[in-house]
Amino acid sequence: MLNNLFSPLPSDQAQEHFDELLTRPGLCIERIVSHGQASPPGFWYDQPQCEWVLLLKGSAGLRLEHEDYSRVLKPGDFVEIPAHCRHRVEWTDATRATVWLAVHFGAI
């Protein structure tokens, strides 16, 4: 059972890791750990629920389809992504772990 957002971090850096921390009707909170991963070229997330994401460690580029730029996220930065707002992860830090806290709410 995970009791600390930073420990233990997954040792396998070849893939992104998703850990559900809390799930209730209409709510899912998860920790995401990235090591240089990004969305595949041309791929956009289009989720039926809203998502609030907080970058805890590392850095990342997040692109919302309706914006002409990528948001550069650093520790402490957060974004609310409305349901069906197409978005993608342009990049994550390849030199250290990027740790996200994602809160999915609404129609889950």
PDB file of N, CA and C in Angstrom:
ATOM      1  N   MET A   1       0.836  -1.182   0.000  1.00  0.00           N
ATOM      2  CA  MET A   1       0.000   0.000   0.000  1.00  0.00           C
ATOM      3  C   MET A   1       0.882   1.248   0.000  1.00  0.00           C
ATOM      4  N   LEU A   2       0.541   2.196  -0.842  1.00  0.00           N
ATOM      5  CA  LEU A   2       1.286   3.438  -0.959  1.00  0.00           C
ATOM      6  C   LEU A   2       0.832   4.408   0.131  1.00  0.00           C
ATOM      7  N   ASN A   3       1.780   4.884   0.948  1.00  0.00           N
ATOM      8  CA  ASN A   3       1.458   5.817   2.027  1.00  0.00           C
ATOM      9  C   ASN A   3       2.196   7.140   1.915  1.00  0.00           C
ATOM     10  N   ASN A   4       3.036   7.282   0.903  1.00  0.00           N
ATOM     11  CA  ASN A   4       3.795   8.507   0.699  1.00  0.00           C
ATOM     12  C   ASN A   4       3.885   8.749  -0.801  1.00  0.00           C
ATOM     13  N   LEU A   5       3.606   9.965  -1.246  1.00  0.00           N
ATOM     14  CA  LEU A   5       3.606  10.258  -2.688  1.00  0.00           C
ATOM     15  C   LEU A   5       4.985  10.140  -3.323  1.00  0.00           C
ATOM     16  N   PHE A   6       6.046  10.257  -2.525  1.00  0.00           N
ATOM     17  CA  PHE A   6       7.403  10.251  -3.068  1.00  0.00           C
ATOM     18  C   PHE A   6       8.182   8.976  -2.757  1.00  0.00           C
ATOM     19  N   SER A   7       7.603   8.097  -1.971  1.00  0.00           N
ATOM     20  CA  SER A   7       8.348   6.915  -1.577  1.00  0.00           C
ATOM     21  C   SER A   7       7.393   5.742  -1.397  1.00  0.00           C
ATOM     22  N   PRO A   8       7.666   4.645  -2.015  1.00  0.00           N
ATOM     23  CA  PRO A   8       8.774   4.472  -2.969  1.00  0.00           C
ATOM     24  C   PRO A   8       8.360   4.913  -4.377  1.00  0.00           C
ATOM     25  N   LEU A   9       9.298   5.466  -5.114  1.00  0.00           N
ATOM     26  CA  LEU A   9       9.071   5.743  -6.534  1.00  0.00           C
ATOM     27  C   LEU A   9       9.438   4.492  -7.315  1.00  0.00           C
ATOM     28  N   PRO A  10       8.725   4.196  -8.380  1.00  0.00           N
ATOM     29  CA  PRO A  10       9.022   2.990  -9.165  1.00  0.00           C
ATOM     30  C   PRO A  10      10.452   3.021  -9.703  1.00  0.00           C
ATOM     31  N   SER A  11      11.111   1.890  -9.670  1.00  0.00           N
ATOM     32  CA  SER A  11      12.488   1.815 -10.184  1.00  0.00           C
ATOM     33  C   SER A  11      12.511   1.632 -11.697  1.00  0.00           C
ATOM     34  N   ASP A  12      11.450   1.076 -12.271  1.00  0.00           N
ATOM     35  CA  ASP A  12      11.351   0.891 -13.717  1.00  0.00           C
ATOM     36  C   ASP A  12      11.033   2.232 -14.382  1.00  0.00           C
ATOM     37  N   GLN A  13      12.011   2.777 -15.086  1.00  0.00           N
ATOM     38  CA  GLN A  13      11.838   4.080 -15.727  1.00  0.00           C
ATOM     39  C   GLN A  13      11.431   3.962 -17.190  1.00  0.00           C
ATOM     40  N   ALA A  14      11.286   2.748 -17.692  1.00  0.00           N
ATOM     41  CA  ALA A  14      10.949   2.550 -19.102  1.00  0.00           C
ATOM     42  C   ALA A  14       9.485   2.842 -19.399  1.00  0.00           C
ATOM     43  N   GLN A  15       8.658   2.868 -18.372  1.00  0.00           N
ATOM     44  CA  GLN A  15       7.230   3.126 -18.586  1.00  0.00           C
ATOM     45  C   GLN A  15       6.709   4.075 -17.522  1.00  0.00           C
ATOM     46  N   GLU A  16       5.575   4.681 -17.829  1.00  0.00           N
ATOM     47  CA  GLU A  16       4.892   5.557 -16.891  1.00  0.00           C
ATOM     48  C   GLU A  16       4.110   4.687 -15.905  1.00  0.00           C
ATOM     49  N   HIS A  17       4.018   5.137 -14.655  1.00  0.00           N
ATOM     50  CA  HIS A  17       3.344   4.353 -13.621  1.00  0.00           C
ATOM     51  C   HIS A  17       2.152   5.123 -13.070  1.00  0.00           C
ATOM     52  N   PHE A  18       1.031   4.417 -12.908  1.00  0.00           N
ATOM     53  CA  PHE A  18      -0.213   4.985 -12.394  1.00  0.00           C
ATOM     54  C   PHE A  18      -0.610   4.211 -11.141  1.00  0.00           C
ATOM     55  N   ASP A  19      -0.775   4.911 -10.021  1.00  0.00           N
ATOM     56  CA  ASP A  19      -1.191   4.294  -8.766  1.00  0.00           C
ATOM     57  C   ASP A  19      -2.463   4.964  -8.282  1.00  0.00           C
ATOM     58  N   GLU A  20      -3.562   4.203  -8.196  1.00  0.00           N
ATOM     59  CA  GLU A  20      -4.806   4.745  -7.650  1.00  0.00           C
ATOM     60  C   GLU A  20      -4.653   4.876  -6.144  1.00  0.00           C
ATOM     61  N   LEU A  21      -4.870   6.077  -5.631  1.00  0.00           N
ATOM     62  CA  LEU A  21      -4.744   6.337  -4.204  1.00  0.00           C
ATOM     63  C   LEU A  21      -6.091   6.287  -3.501  1.00  0.00           C
ATOM     64  N   LEU A  22      -7.129   6.761  -4.189  1.00  0.00           N
ATOM     65  CA  LEU A  22      -8.471   6.792  -3.609  1.00  0.00           C
ATOM     66  C   LEU A  22      -9.484   6.756  -4.738  1.00  0.00           C
ATOM     67  N   THR A  23     -10.454   5.867  -4.618  1.00  0.00           N
ATOM     68  CA  THR A  23     -11.532   5.771  -5.609  1.00  0.00           C
ATOM     69  C   THR A  23     -12.857   5.736  -4.873  1.00  0.00           C
ATOM     70  N   ARG A  24     -13.734   6.625  -5.292  1.00  0.00           N
ATOM     71  CA  ARG A  24     -15.093   6.695  -4.756  1.00  0.00           C
ATOM     72  C   ARG A  24     -16.013   6.976  -5.939  1.00  0.00           C
ATOM     73  N   PRO A  25     -17.319   6.797  -5.801  1.00  0.00           N
ATOM     74  CA  PRO A  25     -18.216   7.136  -6.911  1.00  0.00           C
ATOM     75  C   PRO A  25     -17.997   8.597  -7.347  1.00  0.00           C
ATOM     76  N   GLY A  26     -17.682   8.774  -8.611  1.00  0.00           N
ATOM     77  CA  GLY A  26     -17.467  10.106  -9.158  1.00  0.00           C
ATOM     78  C   GLY A  26     -16.121  10.716  -8.854  1.00  0.00           C
ATOM     79  N   LEU A  27     -15.183   9.943  -8.260  1.00  0.00           N
ATOM     80  CA  LEU A  27     -13.883  10.486  -7.863  1.00  0.00           C
ATOM     81  C   LEU A  27     -12.797   9.423  -7.972  1.00  0.00           C
ATOM     82  N   CYS A  28     -11.662   9.803  -8.546  1.00  0.00           N
ATOM     83  CA  CYS A  28     -10.485   8.936  -8.551  1.00  0.00           C
ATOM     84  C   CYS A  28      -9.264   9.837  -8.395  1.00  0.00           C
ATOM     85  N   ILE A  29      -8.436   9.542  -7.397  1.00  0.00           N
ATOM     86  CA  ILE A  29      -7.196  10.275  -7.177  1.00  0.00           C
ATOM     87  C   ILE A  29      -6.061   9.303  -7.451  1.00  0.00           C
ATOM     88  N   GLU A  30      -5.114   9.730  -8.292  1.00  0.00           N
ATOM     89  CA  GLU A  30      -4.007   8.843  -8.622  1.00  0.00           C
ATOM     90  C   GLU A  30      -2.683   9.587  -8.630  1.00  0.00           C
ATOM     91  N   ARG A  31      -1.631   8.832  -8.364  1.00  0.00           N
ATOM     92  CA  ARG A  31      -0.268   9.320  -8.520  1.00  0.00           C
ATOM     93  C   ARG A  31       0.232   8.791  -9.851  1.00  0.00           C
ATOM     94  N   ILE A  32       0.844   9.680 -10.626  1.00  0.00           N
ATOM     95  CA  ILE A  32       1.451   9.302 -11.898  1.00  0.00           C
ATOM     96  C   ILE A  32       2.930   9.624 -11.798  1.00  0.00           C
ATOM     97  N   VAL A  33       3.779   8.673 -12.178  1.00  0.00           N
ATOM     98  CA  VAL A  33       5.226   8.902 -12.183  1.00  0.00           C
ATOM     99  C   VAL A  33       5.724   8.689 -13.605  1.00  0.00           C
ATOM    100  N   SER A  34       6.338   9.738 -14.146  1.00  0.00           N
ATOM    101  CA  SER A  34       6.853   9.727 -15.517  1.00  0.00           C
ATOM    102  C   SER A  34       8.371   9.882 -15.496  1.00  0.00           C
ATOM    103  N   HIS A  35       9.025   9.289 -16.473  1.00  0.00           N
ATOM    104  CA  HIS A  35      10.481   9.413 -16.647  1.00  0.00           C
ATOM    105  C   HIS A  35      10.770   9.677 -18.120  1.00  0.00           C
ATOM    106  N   GLY A  36      10.417  10.842 -18.610  1.00  0.00           N
ATOM    107  CA  GLY A  36      10.666  11.177 -20.006  1.00  0.00           C
ATOM    108  C   GLY A  36       9.569  10.752 -20.957  1.00  0.00           C
ATOM    109  N   GLN A  37       8.480  10.188 -20.442  1.00  0.00           N
ATOM    110  CA  GLN A  37       7.388   9.765 -21.311  1.00  0.00           C
ATOM    111  C   GLN A  37       6.595  10.978 -21.799  1.00  0.00           C
ATOM    112  N   ALA A  38       5.919  10.782 -22.923  1.00  0.00           N
ATOM    113  CA  ALA A  38       5.050  11.795 -23.518  1.00  0.00           C
ATOM    114  C   ALA A  38       3.929  11.074 -24.248  1.00  0.00           C
ATOM    115  N   SER A  39       2.897  11.818 -24.602  1.00  0.00           N
ATOM    116  CA  SER A  39       1.819  11.235 -25.407  1.00  0.00           C
ATOM    117  C   SER A  39       2.370  10.883 -26.781  1.00  0.00           C
ATOM    118  N   PRO A  40       1.915   9.790 -27.373  1.00  0.00           N
ATOM    119  CA  PRO A  40       2.377   9.436 -28.726  1.00  0.00           C
ATOM    120  C   PRO A  40       2.032  10.546 -29.725  1.00  0.00           C
ATOM    121  N   PRO A  41       2.818  10.681 -30.781  1.00  0.00           N
ATOM    122  CA  PRO A  41       2.530  11.706 -31.795  1.00  0.00           C
ATOM    123  C   PRO A  41       1.091  11.590 -32.305  1.00  0.00           C
ATOM    124  N   GLY A  42       0.399  12.718 -32.345  1.00  0.00           N
ATOM    125  CA  GLY A  42      -0.971  12.748 -32.843  1.00  0.00           C
ATOM    126  C   GLY A  42      -2.034  12.286 -31.864  1.00  0.00           C
ATOM    127  N   PHE A  43      -1.633  11.766 -30.687  1.00  0.00           N
ATOM    128  CA  PHE A  43      -2.597  11.259 -29.714  1.00  0.00           C
ATOM    129  C   PHE A  43      -3.059  12.383 -28.791  1.00  0.00           C
ATOM    130  N   TRP A  44      -4.376  12.434 -28.539  1.00  0.00           N
ATOM    131  CA  TRP A  44      -4.959  13.398 -27.612  1.00  0.00           C
ATOM    132  C   TRP A  44      -5.854  12.648 -26.627  1.00  0.00           C
ATOM    133  N   TYR A  45      -5.696  12.924 -25.343  1.00  0.00           N
ATOM    134  CA  TYR A  45      -6.644  12.418 -24.356  1.00  0.00           C
ATOM    135  C   TYR A  45      -7.964  13.161 -24.544  1.00  0.00           C
ATOM    136  N   ASP A  46      -9.068  12.444 -24.417  1.00  0.00           N
ATOM    137  CA  ASP A  46     -10.410  13.026 -24.466  1.00  0.00           C
ATOM    138  C   ASP A  46     -11.222  12.259 -23.439  1.00  0.00           C
ATOM    139  N   GLN A  47     -11.217  12.740 -22.215  1.00  0.00           N
ATOM    140  CA  GLN A  47     -11.792  12.015 -21.092  1.00  0.00           C
ATOM    141  C   GLN A  47     -13.210  12.477 -20.784  1.00  0.00           C
ATOM    142  N   PRO A  48     -14.083  11.553 -20.379  1.00  0.00           N
ATOM    143  CA  PRO A  48     -15.468  11.921 -20.069  1.00  0.00           C
ATOM    144  C   PRO A  48     -15.606  12.653 -18.728  1.00  0.00           C
ATOM    145  N   GLN A  49     -14.545  12.678 -17.915  1.00  0.00           N
ATOM    146  CA  GLN A  49     -14.593  13.336 -16.625  1.00  0.00           C
ATOM    147  C   GLN A  49     -13.627  14.529 -16.608  1.00  0.00           C
ATOM    148  N   CYS A  50     -13.829  15.405 -15.640  1.00  0.00           N
ATOM    149  CA  CYS A  50     -12.904  16.515 -15.417  1.00  0.00           C
ATOM    150  C   CYS A  50     -11.648  15.966 -14.729  1.00  0.00           C
ATOM    151  N   GLU A  51     -10.556  16.685 -14.886  1.00  0.00           N
ATOM    152  CA  GLU A  51      -9.310  16.295 -14.230  1.00  0.00           C
ATOM    153  C   GLU A  51      -8.627  17.542 -13.691  1.00  0.00           C
ATOM    154  N   TRP A  52      -8.182  17.455 -12.457  1.00  0.00           N
ATOM    155  CA  TRP A  52      -7.366  18.493 -11.848  1.00  0.00           C
ATOM    156  C   TRP A  52      -6.028  17.839 -11.600  1.00  0.00           C
ATOM    157  N   VAL A  53      -4.961  18.405 -12.147  1.00  0.00           N
ATOM    158  CA  VAL A  53      -3.650  17.788 -12.032  1.00  0.00           C
ATOM    159  C   VAL A  53      -2.682  18.777 -11.392  1.00  0.00           C
ATOM    160  N   LEU A  54      -1.882  18.268 -10.460  1.00  0.00           N
ATOM    161  CA  LEU A  54      -0.878  19.041  -9.735  1.00  0.00           C
ATOM    162  C   LEU A  54       0.472  18.391  -9.977  1.00  0.00           C
ATOM    163  N   LEU A  55       1.451  19.172 -10.442  1.00  0.00           N
ATOM    164  CA  LEU A  55       2.796  18.642 -10.634  1.00  0.00           C
ATOM    165  C   LEU A  55       3.552  18.797  -9.309  1.00  0.00           C
ATOM    166  N   LEU A  56       3.991  17.692  -8.750  1.00  0.00           N
ATOM    167  CA  LEU A  56       4.645  17.692  -7.448  1.00  0.00           C
ATOM    168  C   LEU A  56       6.163  17.720  -7.537  1.00  0.00           C
ATOM    169  N   LYS A  57       6.711  17.097  -8.583  1.00  0.00           N
ATOM    170  CA  LYS A  57       8.162  16.940  -8.697  1.00  0.00           C
ATOM    171  C   LYS A  57       8.510  16.800 -10.162  1.00  0.00           C
ATOM    172  N   GLY A  58       9.658  17.328 -10.582  1.00  0.00           N
ATOM    173  CA  GLY A  58      10.075  17.222 -11.975  1.00  0.00           C
ATOM    174  C   GLY A  58       9.523  18.369 -12.798  1.00  0.00           C
ATOM    175  N   SER A  59       9.302  18.118 -14.083  1.00  0.00           N
ATOM    176  CA  SER A  59       8.741  19.135 -14.974  1.00  0.00           C
ATOM    177  C   SER A  59       8.079  18.439 -16.155  1.00  0.00           C
ATOM    178  N   ALA A  60       7.191  19.190 -16.821  1.00  0.00           N
ATOM    179  CA  ALA A  60       6.448  18.599 -17.936  1.00  0.00           C
ATOM    180  C   ALA A  60       5.890  19.702 -18.825  1.00  0.00           C
ATOM    181  N   GLY A  61       5.595  19.326 -20.049  1.00  0.00           N
ATOM    182  CA  GLY A  61       4.890  20.200 -20.978  1.00  0.00           C
ATOM    183  C   GLY A  61       3.514  19.623 -21.231  1.00  0.00           C
ATOM    184  N   LEU A  62       2.480  20.417 -20.987  1.00  0.00           N
ATOM    185  CA  LEU A  62       1.097  19.983 -21.163  1.00  0.00           C
ATOM    186  C   LEU A  62       0.448  20.876 -22.209  1.00  0.00           C
ATOM    187  N   ARG A  63      -0.194  20.264 -23.187  1.00  0.00           N
ATOM    188  CA  ARG A  63      -0.834  21.024 -24.262  1.00  0.00           C
ATOM    189  C   ARG A  63      -2.327  20.752 -24.251  1.00  0.00           C
ATOM    190  N   LEU A  64      -3.126  21.816 -24.211  1.00  0.00           N
ATOM    191  CA  LEU A  64      -4.565  21.722 -24.388  1.00  0.00           C
ATOM    192  C   LEU A  64      -4.837  22.078 -25.844  1.00  0.00           C
ATOM    193  N   GLU A  65      -5.675  21.303 -26.509  1.00  0.00           N
ATOM    194  CA  GLU A  65      -5.853  21.444 -27.956  1.00  0.00           C
ATOM    195  C   GLU A  65      -6.290  22.851 -28.367  1.00  0.00           C
ATOM    196  N   HIS A  66      -7.088  23.517 -27.569  1.00  0.00           N
ATOM    197  CA  HIS A  66      -7.584  24.836 -27.949  1.00  0.00           C
ATOM    198  C   HIS A  66      -6.564  25.958 -27.708  1.00  0.00           C
ATOM    199  N   GLU A  67      -5.389  25.625 -27.166  1.00  0.00           N
ATOM    200  CA  GLU A  67      -4.347  26.622 -26.930  1.00  0.00           C
ATOM    201  C   GLU A  67      -3.234  26.459 -27.959  1.00  0.00           C
ATOM    202  N   ASP A  68      -2.589  27.559 -28.323  1.00  0.00           N
ATOM    203  CA  ASP A  68      -1.530  27.542 -29.339  1.00  0.00           C
ATOM    204  C   ASP A  68      -0.150  27.269 -28.760  1.00  0.00           C
ATOM    205  N   TYR A  69      -0.073  26.891 -27.509  1.00  0.00           N
ATOM    206  CA  TYR A  69       1.217  26.715 -26.836  1.00  0.00           C
ATOM    207  C   TYR A  69       1.121  25.566 -25.841  1.00  0.00           C
ATOM    208  N   SER A  70       2.280  25.092 -25.430  1.00  0.00           N
ATOM    209  CA  SER A  70       2.347  24.091 -24.367  1.00  0.00           C
ATOM    210  C   SER A  70       2.610  24.809 -23.052  1.00  0.00           C
ATOM    211  N   ARG A  71       1.907  24.389 -22.028  1.00  0.00           N
ATOM    212  CA  ARG A  71       2.161  24.924 -20.690  1.00  0.00           C
ATOM    213  C   ARG A  71       3.354  24.189 -20.098  1.00  0.00           C
ATOM    214  N   VAL A  72       4.329  24.904 -19.616  1.00  0.00           N
ATOM    215  CA  VAL A  72       5.472  24.300 -18.936  1.00  0.00           C
ATOM    216  C   VAL A  72       5.131  24.261 -17.456  1.00  0.00           C
ATOM    217  N   LEU A  73       5.044  23.049 -16.914  1.00  0.00           N
ATOM    218  CA  LEU A  73       4.670  22.857 -15.520  1.00  0.00           C
ATOM    219  C   LEU A  73       5.901  22.538 -14.686  1.00  0.00           C
ATOM    220  N   LYS A  74       5.966  23.157 -13.528  1.00  0.00           N
ATOM    221  CA  LYS A  74       7.026  22.897 -12.556  1.00  0.00           C
ATOM    222  C   LYS A  74       6.361  22.585 -11.218  1.00  0.00           C
ATOM    223  N   PRO A  75       7.110  22.115 -10.224  1.00  0.00           N
ATOM    224  CA  PRO A  75       6.489  21.747  -8.958  1.00  0.00           C
ATOM    225  C   PRO A  75       5.609  22.865  -8.391  1.00  0.00           C
ATOM    226  N   GLY A  76       4.404  22.474  -8.018  1.00  0.00           N
ATOM    227  CA  GLY A  76       3.435  23.407  -7.464  1.00  0.00           C
ATOM    228  C   GLY A  76       2.418  23.900  -8.476  1.00  0.00           C
ATOM    229  N   ASP A  77       2.702  23.742  -9.778  1.00  0.00           N
ATOM    230  CA  ASP A  77       1.761  24.185 -10.808  1.00  0.00           C
ATOM    231  C   ASP A  77       0.618  23.187 -10.937  1.00  0.00           C
ATOM    232  N   PHE A  78      -0.585  23.713 -11.146  1.00  0.00           N
ATOM    233  CA  PHE A  78      -1.753  22.849 -11.326  1.00  0.00           C
ATOM    234  C   PHE A  78      -2.625  23.381 -12.452  1.00  0.00           C
ATOM    235  N   VAL A  79      -3.420  22.472 -13.014  1.00  0.00           N
ATOM    236  CA  VAL A  79      -4.299  22.793 -14.144  1.00  0.00           C
ATOM    237  C   VAL A  79      -5.599  22.017 -13.957  1.00  0.00           C
ATOM    238  N   GLU A  80      -6.722  22.682 -14.222  1.00  0.00           N
ATOM    239  CA  GLU A  80      -7.995  21.970 -14.301  1.00  0.00           C
ATOM    240  C   GLU A  80      -8.309  21.746 -15.772  1.00  0.00           C
ATOM    241  N   ILE A  81      -8.576  20.501 -16.123  1.00  0.00           N
ATOM    242  CA  ILE A  81      -8.880  20.131 -17.502  1.00  0.00           C
ATOM    243  C   ILE A  81     -10.349  19.709 -17.546  1.00  0.00           C
ATOM    244  N   PRO A  82     -11.201  20.490 -18.213  1.00  0.00           N
ATOM    245  CA  PRO A  82     -12.624  20.133 -18.266  1.00  0.00           C
ATOM    246  C   PRO A  82     -12.847  18.803 -18.999  1.00  0.00           C
ATOM    247  N   ALA A  83     -13.974  18.180 -18.724  1.00  0.00           N
ATOM    248  CA  ALA A  83     -14.348  16.954 -19.441  1.00  0.00           C
ATOM    249  C   ALA A  83     -14.336  17.229 -20.938  1.00  0.00           C
ATOM    250  N   HIS A  84     -13.826  16.282 -21.685  1.00  0.00           N
ATOM    251  CA  HIS A  84     -13.742  16.315 -23.154  1.00  0.00           C
ATOM    252  C   HIS A  84     -12.863  17.435 -23.702  1.00  0.00           C
ATOM    253  N   CYS A  85     -12.032  18.037 -22.873  1.00  0.00           N
ATOM    254  CA  CYS A  85     -11.023  18.986 -23.366  1.00  0.00           C
ATOM    255  C   CYS A  85      -9.829  18.155 -23.814  1.00  0.00           C
ATOM    256  N   ARG A  86      -9.633  18.109 -25.115  1.00  0.00           N
ATOM    257  CA  ARG A  86      -8.535  17.291 -25.636  1.00  0.00           C
ATOM    258  C   ARG A  86      -7.199  17.884 -25.187  1.00  0.00           C
ATOM    259  N   HIS A  87      -6.328  16.989 -24.687  1.00  0.00           N
ATOM    260  CA  HIS A  87      -5.033  17.428 -24.169  1.00  0.00           C
ATOM    261  C   HIS A  87      -4.010  16.321 -24.338  1.00  0.00           C
ATOM    262  N   ARG A  88      -2.746  16.710 -24.229  1.00  0.00           N
ATOM    263  CA  ARG A  88      -1.661  15.745 -24.376  1.00  0.00           C
ATOM    264  C   ARG A  88      -0.462  16.183 -23.547  1.00  0.00           C
ATOM    265  N   VAL A  89       0.365  15.228 -23.187  1.00  0.00           N
ATOM    266  CA  VAL A  89       1.622  15.513 -22.509  1.00  0.00           C
ATOM    267  C   VAL A  89       2.682  15.599 -23.601  1.00  0.00           C
ATOM    268  N   GLU A  90       3.240  16.778 -23.790  1.00  0.00           N
ATOM    269  CA  GLU A  90       4.251  16.991 -24.832  1.00  0.00           C
ATOM    270  C   GLU A  90       5.596  16.387 -24.441  1.00  0.00           C
ATOM    271  N   TRP A  91       5.946  16.478 -23.158  1.00  0.00           N
ATOM    272  CA  TRP A  91       7.216  15.938 -22.664  1.00  0.00           C
ATOM    273  C   TRP A  91       7.187  15.889 -21.137  1.00  0.00           C
ATOM    274  N   THR A  92       8.027  15.041 -20.577  1.00  0.00           N
ATOM    275  CA  THR A  92       8.309  15.049 -19.144  1.00  0.00           C
ATOM    276  C   THR A  92       9.820  14.964 -18.982  1.00  0.00           C
ATOM    277  N   ASP A  93      10.301  15.404 -17.856  1.00  0.00           N
ATOM    278  CA  ASP A  93      11.734  15.428 -17.568  1.00  0.00           C
ATOM    279  C   ASP A  93      12.337  14.036 -17.735  1.00  0.00           C
ATOM    280  N   ALA A  94      13.348  13.932 -18.563  1.00  0.00           N
ATOM    281  CA  ALA A  94      13.988  12.632 -18.810  1.00  0.00           C
ATOM    282  C   ALA A  94      15.133  12.354 -17.835  1.00  0.00           C
ATOM    283  N   THR A  95      15.521  13.359 -17.029  1.00  0.00           N
ATOM    284  CA  THR A  95      16.673  13.184 -16.139  1.00  0.00           C
ATOM    285  C   THR A  95      16.284  12.850 -14.708  1.00  0.00           C
ATOM    286  N   ARG A  96      15.007  13.041 -14.376  1.00  0.00           N
ATOM    287  CA  ARG A  96      14.531  12.715 -13.028  1.00  0.00           C
ATOM    288  C   ARG A  96      13.034  12.431 -13.086  1.00  0.00           C
ATOM    289  N   ALA A  97      12.536  11.842 -12.019  1.00  0.00           N
ATOM    290  CA  ALA A  97      11.117  11.484 -11.977  1.00  0.00           C
ATOM    291  C   ALA A  97      10.245  12.733 -11.976  1.00  0.00           C
ATOM    292  N   THR A  98       9.168  12.676 -12.746  1.00  0.00           N
ATOM    293  CA  THR A  98       8.118  13.679 -12.691  1.00  0.00           C
ATOM    294  C   THR A  98       6.934  13.026 -11.994  1.00  0.00           C
ATOM    295  N   VAL A  99       6.503  13.630 -10.889  1.00  0.00           N
ATOM    296  CA  VAL A  99       5.427  13.060 -10.075  1.00  0.00           C
ATOM    297  C   VAL A  99       4.223  13.986 -10.154  1.00  0.00           C
ATOM    298  N   TRP A 100       3.108  13.418 -10.565  1.00  0.00           N
ATOM    299  CA  TRP A 100       1.847  14.140 -10.712  1.00  0.00           C
ATOM    300  C   TRP A 100       0.850  13.615  -9.685  1.00  0.00           C
ATOM    301  N   LEU A 101      -0.063  14.489  -9.244  1.00  0.00           N
ATOM    302  CA  LEU A 101      -1.235  14.068  -8.509  1.00  0.00           C
ATOM    303  C   LEU A 101      -2.419  14.436  -9.378  1.00  0.00           C
ATOM    304  N   ALA A 102      -3.177  13.441  -9.808  1.00  0.00           N
ATOM    305  CA  ALA A 102      -4.312  13.667 -10.712  1.00  0.00           C
ATOM    306  C   ALA A 102      -5.604  13.333  -9.984  1.00  0.00           C
ATOM    307  N   VAL A 103      -6.548  14.267 -10.038  1.00  0.00           N
ATOM    308  CA  VAL A 103      -7.853  14.074  -9.421  1.00  0.00           C
ATOM    309  C   VAL A 103      -8.876  14.086 -10.563  1.00  0.00           C
ATOM    310  N   HIS A 104      -9.496  12.931 -10.779  1.00  0.00           N
ATOM    311  CA  HIS A 104     -10.540  12.795 -11.811  1.00  0.00           C
ATOM    312  C   HIS A 104     -11.878  12.863 -11.094  1.00  0.00           C
ATOM    313  N   PHE A 105     -12.786  13.722 -11.579  1.00  0.00           N
ATOM    314  CA  PHE A 105     -14.065  13.875 -10.908  1.00  0.00           C
ATOM    315  C   PHE A 105     -15.161  14.113 -11.930  1.00  0.00           C
ATOM    316  N   GLY A 106     -16.361  13.830 -11.513  1.00  0.00           N
ATOM    317  CA  GLY A 106     -17.495  13.933 -12.421  1.00  0.00           C
ATOM    318  C   GLY A 106     -17.898  12.539 -12.874  1.00  0.00           C
ATOM    319  N   ALA A 107     -18.195  12.387 -14.141  1.00  0.00           N
ATOM    320  CA  ALA A 107     -18.637  11.096 -14.703  1.00  0.00           C
ATOM    321  C   ALA A 107     -17.453  10.158 -14.835  1.00  0.00           C
ATOM    322  N   ILE A 108     -17.260   9.313 -13.848  1.00  0.00           N
ATOM    323  CA  ILE A 108     -16.137   8.355 -13.883  1.00  0.00           C
ATOM    324  C   ILE A 108     -16.691   6.971 -14.109  1.00  0.00           C
TER     325      ILE A 108
END
